[in-house]
Amino acid sequence: MLLRLLLTLALIGALIWLWRHRHRQASAAQPAKATEPSGEPMLRCAHCGLHVPQHQALTSGASSYCSQAHLQQGPSHSER
C-alpha cells in the first residue's frame, strides 16, 4: 500500500516537472515585447535641456523643444 502511494506521488511529481519544464521552454522561445522603440534619436530641449524622442519633439528652425510652452518661450538664457 505504501509503495503504491509513493509511486503515485513520484508519477504526479514527474508530470508536474514535465509540465513546468515545457511551459518554461515555450515562454523562453517567445521574443520579449519591446516597450519602446530601440535606437530612436533623442533631441535636447533648447529651453530646459530635457531629452525627448525625436518623434515627440517640437522643432523651430534648428532648435527642438519638449512642449508647446517651451517652444513659445524659446531657448533658455544659457542657450542664446
N, C-alpha and C. Protein backbone atom coordinates (compact mmCIF):
# COMPACT_ATOMS: atom_id res chain seq x y z
N MET A 1 0.82 -1.20 0.00
CA MET A 1 0.00 0.00 0.00
C MET A 1 0.87 1.26 0.00
N LEU A 2 1.89 1.27 0.85
CA LEU A 2 2.78 2.40 0.94
C LEU A 2 3.58 2.57 -0.35
N LEU A 3 3.98 1.46 -0.96
CA LEU A 3 4.72 1.51 -2.21
C LEU A 3 3.85 2.10 -3.32
N ARG A 4 2.59 1.75 -3.37
CA ARG A 4 1.68 2.28 -4.38
C ARG A 4 1.51 3.80 -4.20
N LEU A 5 1.42 4.26 -2.97
CA LEU A 5 1.30 5.69 -2.67
C LEU A 5 2.56 6.44 -3.11
N LEU A 6 3.74 5.88 -2.79
CA LEU A 6 4.99 6.51 -3.19
C LEU A 6 5.13 6.57 -4.71
N LEU A 7 4.75 5.52 -5.42
CA LEU A 7 4.79 5.51 -6.88
C LEU A 7 3.84 6.55 -7.46
N THR A 8 2.67 6.67 -6.89
CA THR A 8 1.69 7.66 -7.36
C THR A 8 2.22 9.07 -7.15
N LEU A 9 2.79 9.34 -5.99
CA LEU A 9 3.38 10.66 -5.73
C LEU A 9 4.54 10.96 -6.67
N ALA A 10 5.38 9.96 -6.95
CA ALA A 10 6.51 10.15 -7.86
C ALA A 10 6.00 10.44 -9.28
N LEU A 11 4.96 9.76 -9.71
CA LEU A 11 4.39 9.98 -11.03
C LEU A 11 3.78 11.37 -11.13
N ILE A 12 3.06 11.81 -10.11
CA ILE A 12 2.48 13.15 -10.10
C ILE A 12 3.59 14.20 -10.11
N GLY A 13 4.63 13.99 -9.33
CA GLY A 13 5.76 14.91 -9.31
C GLY A 13 6.45 15.01 -10.67
N ALA A 14 6.63 13.87 -11.33
CA ALA A 14 7.26 13.86 -12.65
C ALA A 14 6.39 14.58 -13.67
N LEU A 15 5.08 14.40 -13.61
CA LEU A 15 4.19 15.09 -14.54
C LEU A 15 4.20 16.60 -14.32
N ILE A 16 4.23 17.01 -13.07
CA ILE A 16 4.29 18.45 -12.77
C ILE A 16 5.62 19.03 -13.27
N TRP A 17 6.73 18.31 -13.04
CA TRP A 17 8.02 18.79 -13.51
C TRP A 17 8.05 18.90 -15.04
N LEU A 18 7.52 17.91 -15.75
CA LEU A 18 7.47 17.96 -17.22
C LEU A 18 6.63 19.14 -17.70
N TRP A 19 5.49 19.36 -17.09
CA TRP A 19 4.62 20.47 -17.50
C TRP A 19 5.33 21.80 -17.30
N ARG A 20 5.95 21.99 -16.13
CA ARG A 20 6.68 23.24 -15.87
C ARG A 20 7.85 23.42 -16.82
N HIS A 21 8.57 22.36 -17.09
CA HIS A 21 9.73 22.42 -17.98
C HIS A 21 9.30 22.83 -19.39
N ARG A 22 8.25 22.25 -19.90
CA ARG A 22 7.74 22.61 -21.24
C ARG A 22 7.18 24.02 -21.25
N HIS A 23 6.53 24.43 -20.17
CA HIS A 23 5.97 25.78 -20.10
C HIS A 23 7.08 26.82 -20.11
N ARG A 24 8.18 26.57 -19.41
CA ARG A 24 9.32 27.49 -19.39
C ARG A 24 9.98 27.57 -20.76
N GLN A 25 10.11 26.45 -21.45
CA GLN A 25 10.72 26.45 -22.79
C GLN A 25 9.86 27.22 -23.77
N ALA A 26 8.55 27.08 -23.68
CA ALA A 26 7.65 27.77 -24.60
C ALA A 26 7.69 29.27 -24.38
N SER A 27 7.74 29.71 -23.12
CA SER A 27 7.76 31.15 -22.85
C SER A 27 9.14 31.73 -23.14
N ALA A 28 10.20 30.95 -23.04
CA ALA A 28 11.55 31.44 -23.36
C ALA A 28 11.72 31.59 -24.87
N ALA A 29 10.99 30.81 -25.65
CA ALA A 29 11.11 30.87 -27.11
C ALA A 29 10.43 32.11 -27.68
N GLN A 30 9.48 32.67 -26.96
CA GLN A 30 8.78 33.86 -27.44
C GLN A 30 9.66 35.08 -27.21
N PRO A 31 9.81 35.94 -28.23
CA PRO A 31 10.62 37.13 -28.03
C PRO A 31 9.96 38.11 -27.06
N ALA A 32 10.78 38.81 -26.32
CA ALA A 32 10.26 39.80 -25.37
C ALA A 32 9.70 40.99 -26.13
N LYS A 33 8.60 41.52 -25.64
CA LYS A 33 7.99 42.68 -26.28
C LYS A 33 8.80 43.93 -25.94
N ALA A 34 9.07 44.73 -26.94
CA ALA A 34 9.79 45.97 -26.71
C ALA A 34 8.80 47.01 -26.18
N THR A 35 9.17 47.68 -25.11
CA THR A 35 8.28 48.68 -24.53
C THR A 35 8.45 50.02 -25.21
N GLU A 36 9.58 50.23 -25.84
CA GLU A 36 9.80 51.47 -26.55
C GLU A 36 10.70 51.18 -27.74
N PRO A 37 10.64 52.00 -28.76
CA PRO A 37 11.48 51.75 -29.93
C PRO A 37 12.96 51.82 -29.57
N SER A 38 13.72 50.90 -30.12
CA SER A 38 15.15 50.89 -29.81
C SER A 38 15.91 51.72 -30.84
N GLY A 39 16.87 52.45 -30.37
CA GLY A 39 17.71 53.21 -31.26
C GLY A 39 17.09 54.49 -31.81
N GLU A 40 16.02 54.96 -31.22
CA GLU A 40 15.38 56.18 -31.70
C GLU A 40 16.20 57.39 -31.26
N PRO A 41 16.48 58.32 -32.17
CA PRO A 41 17.26 59.50 -31.79
C PRO A 41 16.52 60.35 -30.75
N MET A 42 17.31 60.90 -29.83
CA MET A 42 16.77 61.77 -28.78
C MET A 42 17.25 63.19 -29.07
N LEU A 43 16.37 64.17 -28.86
CA LEU A 43 16.71 65.57 -29.08
C LEU A 43 16.61 66.32 -27.76
N ARG A 44 17.50 67.29 -27.58
CA ARG A 44 17.56 68.07 -26.34
C ARG A 44 16.69 69.31 -26.47
N CYS A 45 15.85 69.54 -25.48
CA CYS A 45 15.00 70.74 -25.46
C CYS A 45 15.91 71.96 -25.29
N ALA A 46 15.75 72.96 -26.18
CA ALA A 46 16.57 74.16 -26.13
C ALA A 46 16.24 75.02 -24.92
N HIS A 47 15.08 74.79 -24.30
CA HIS A 47 14.69 75.61 -23.14
C HIS A 47 15.14 75.00 -21.81
N CYS A 48 14.80 73.73 -21.59
CA CYS A 48 15.08 73.13 -20.28
C CYS A 48 16.16 72.06 -20.31
N GLY A 49 16.55 71.59 -21.49
CA GLY A 49 17.60 70.58 -21.58
C GLY A 49 17.12 69.15 -21.50
N LEU A 50 15.82 68.93 -21.35
CA LEU A 50 15.27 67.58 -21.29
C LEU A 50 15.44 66.90 -22.63
N HIS A 51 15.81 65.62 -22.63
CA HIS A 51 15.92 64.86 -23.87
C HIS A 51 14.60 64.16 -24.14
N VAL A 52 14.09 64.32 -25.36
CA VAL A 52 12.81 63.71 -25.75
C VAL A 52 13.03 62.93 -27.05
N PRO A 53 12.24 61.87 -27.29
CA PRO A 53 12.34 61.14 -28.55
C PRO A 53 12.06 62.08 -29.73
N GLN A 54 12.71 61.82 -30.83
CA GLN A 54 12.61 62.69 -31.99
C GLN A 54 11.16 62.84 -32.47
N HIS A 55 10.39 61.77 -32.40
CA HIS A 55 9.01 61.85 -32.90
C HIS A 55 8.10 62.69 -31.99
N GLN A 56 8.51 62.95 -30.74
CA GLN A 56 7.71 63.76 -29.82
C GLN A 56 8.20 65.21 -29.74
N ALA A 57 9.39 65.47 -30.24
CA ALA A 57 9.97 66.80 -30.11
C ALA A 57 9.28 67.78 -31.06
N LEU A 58 9.16 69.03 -30.60
CA LEU A 58 8.63 70.12 -31.43
C LEU A 58 9.83 70.93 -31.90
N THR A 59 9.89 71.23 -33.18
CA THR A 59 11.06 71.93 -33.71
C THR A 59 10.68 73.31 -34.23
N SER A 60 11.63 74.21 -34.09
CA SER A 60 11.52 75.56 -34.63
C SER A 60 12.91 75.93 -35.13
N GLY A 61 13.07 75.96 -36.44
CA GLY A 61 14.39 76.19 -37.01
C GLY A 61 15.30 75.05 -36.67
N ALA A 62 16.45 75.35 -36.06
CA ALA A 62 17.40 74.31 -35.68
C ALA A 62 17.20 73.86 -34.23
N SER A 63 16.26 74.47 -33.51
CA SER A 63 16.04 74.15 -32.09
C SER A 63 14.90 73.16 -31.93
N SER A 64 15.01 72.32 -30.91
CA SER A 64 13.97 71.35 -30.56
C SER A 64 13.48 71.64 -29.16
N TYR A 65 12.20 71.34 -28.92
CA TYR A 65 11.57 71.62 -27.63
C TYR A 65 10.75 70.43 -27.18
N CYS A 66 10.59 70.31 -25.86
CA CYS A 66 9.85 69.18 -25.29
C CYS A 66 8.35 69.44 -25.19
N SER A 67 7.93 70.71 -25.23
CA SER A 67 6.50 71.03 -25.11
C SER A 67 6.18 72.31 -25.86
N GLN A 68 4.90 72.54 -26.05
CA GLN A 68 4.43 73.74 -26.73
C GLN A 68 4.80 75.00 -25.92
N ALA A 69 4.72 74.92 -24.61
CA ALA A 69 5.05 76.07 -23.76
C ALA A 69 6.51 76.46 -23.92
N HIS A 70 7.39 75.48 -23.96
CA HIS A 70 8.82 75.79 -24.13
C HIS A 70 9.11 76.28 -25.54
N LEU A 71 8.36 75.80 -26.50
CA LEU A 71 8.52 76.29 -27.87
C LEU A 71 8.16 77.77 -27.93
N GLN A 72 7.09 78.15 -27.24
CA GLN A 72 6.67 79.56 -27.25
C GLN A 72 7.64 80.44 -26.45
N GLN A 73 8.22 79.90 -25.39
CA GLN A 73 9.16 80.68 -24.58
C GLN A 73 10.53 80.81 -25.25
N GLY A 74 10.85 79.92 -26.13
CA GLY A 74 12.13 79.99 -26.84
C GLY A 74 13.26 79.40 -26.04
N PRO A 75 14.49 79.53 -26.54
CA PRO A 75 15.64 78.96 -25.85
C PRO A 75 15.89 79.64 -24.50
N SER A 76 16.51 78.90 -23.59
CA SER A 76 16.84 79.47 -22.28
C SER A 76 17.96 80.48 -22.45
N HIS A 77 18.22 81.27 -21.41
CA HIS A 77 19.25 82.30 -21.48
C HIS A 77 20.62 81.70 -21.72
N SER A 78 20.89 80.53 -21.21
CA SER A 78 22.20 79.92 -21.38
C SER A 78 22.37 79.38 -22.81
N GLU A 79 21.27 79.16 -23.52
CA GLU A 79 21.33 78.65 -24.89
C GLU A 79 21.48 79.76 -25.91
N ARG A 80 21.15 80.99 -25.58
CA ARG A 80 21.15 82.08 -26.55
C ARG A 80 22.52 82.54 -26.92
